[in-house]
Amino acid sequence: MLGEPKRSRIAERREATRREILDAAWAQAREVGIASITLRDIARAVGMQPPSLYTHFDSKNAVYDAMYAEAWAEYEAHALAQLGSVPEEPRAALHLASKVFFDFAVADLARHQLMNQRTIPGFEPSAEAYAPAVRVLDHGIAFLAAHGVTERADFDIWISLLGGLIDQQLANDPGGDRFARLLGRAIDMFADAVGLSPLPEKRPTRQKAGTRK
C-alpha cells in the first residue's frame, strides 16, 4: 500500500515527460516538416540529452508511432463530436461529414501528412497506433451506408475525392480556400453519381400583404 503513491508519481512524471517530448516533436514537425524531425533537436527542445530520450522512445519511428496514434485519436474524438447530430437528408449529412474531415486535414499539414500520406520512409504504424484509424474507417463506412451509400467502391471514391481536394488545397493554396470552395460542388457530383436525392429547395419567402415590391 505504501509503495503505490510512489509508483503513481513516477508514472505521472514519466507520462509528463513523454507529453513534453511529443509536443516538441509536433512543434518541430510543423516547423521543418514531418519527415525532417530529429531526436537530437527534440531532446534539445525539452532540455534533455539525446541518450536520455531513448528511455522514453527507443527510436524516431517510436516517436512517429505515438504521434500517429495521437493524431487519429484526436480526429476520432473530433468527428464523433461534430457528427453526433447530423441532418436527416443523406446528401446534407454527406456534405457535413466531408467538411469535418476536410477542415481537420487542411488545418495542419504535418499532421495530415503523417495520418494520410506515406511521407516517412520506413515508417509503418504499430497495430496499437493504427487502431484509431481503423475505427475511423469503420465508422466512415457505416456512416455512408446509413445514408444510402453502401458500396465499398463508392466509399473508396469518396475518400479519394476528399484526399485529392485536401492535397490540392495544402499544396497550391495553403491557408486559402481555392479548393475548399470546390468541396460542396464535388460532393454534389459524387452524391449525384451514387443516386442520393437532391436537397429540398428552399421555399420562397412570402411577402406580407400590402408590402410593395
Foldseek 3Di string as FASTA:
>chain_A
DVCVVVVVVVVVVLVVVLVLLLVLLLVVCQVPNNQPDDLCSSCVVVVHHSVVVCVNPVDVLSSLQVLLLVLLVVLLVQLCVQVVDFDPALLRRLLSSLCSVLVSLLVGPRSNCSHPHPPHPPHDHDPNSCVSVVVVVVVQQVSNVVNPQNDVVLVVVVVVVSVVLSVCCCPPPRPDCPSVVCSSVVSVVSCVVSPGDDDDDDDDDDDDPPDDD
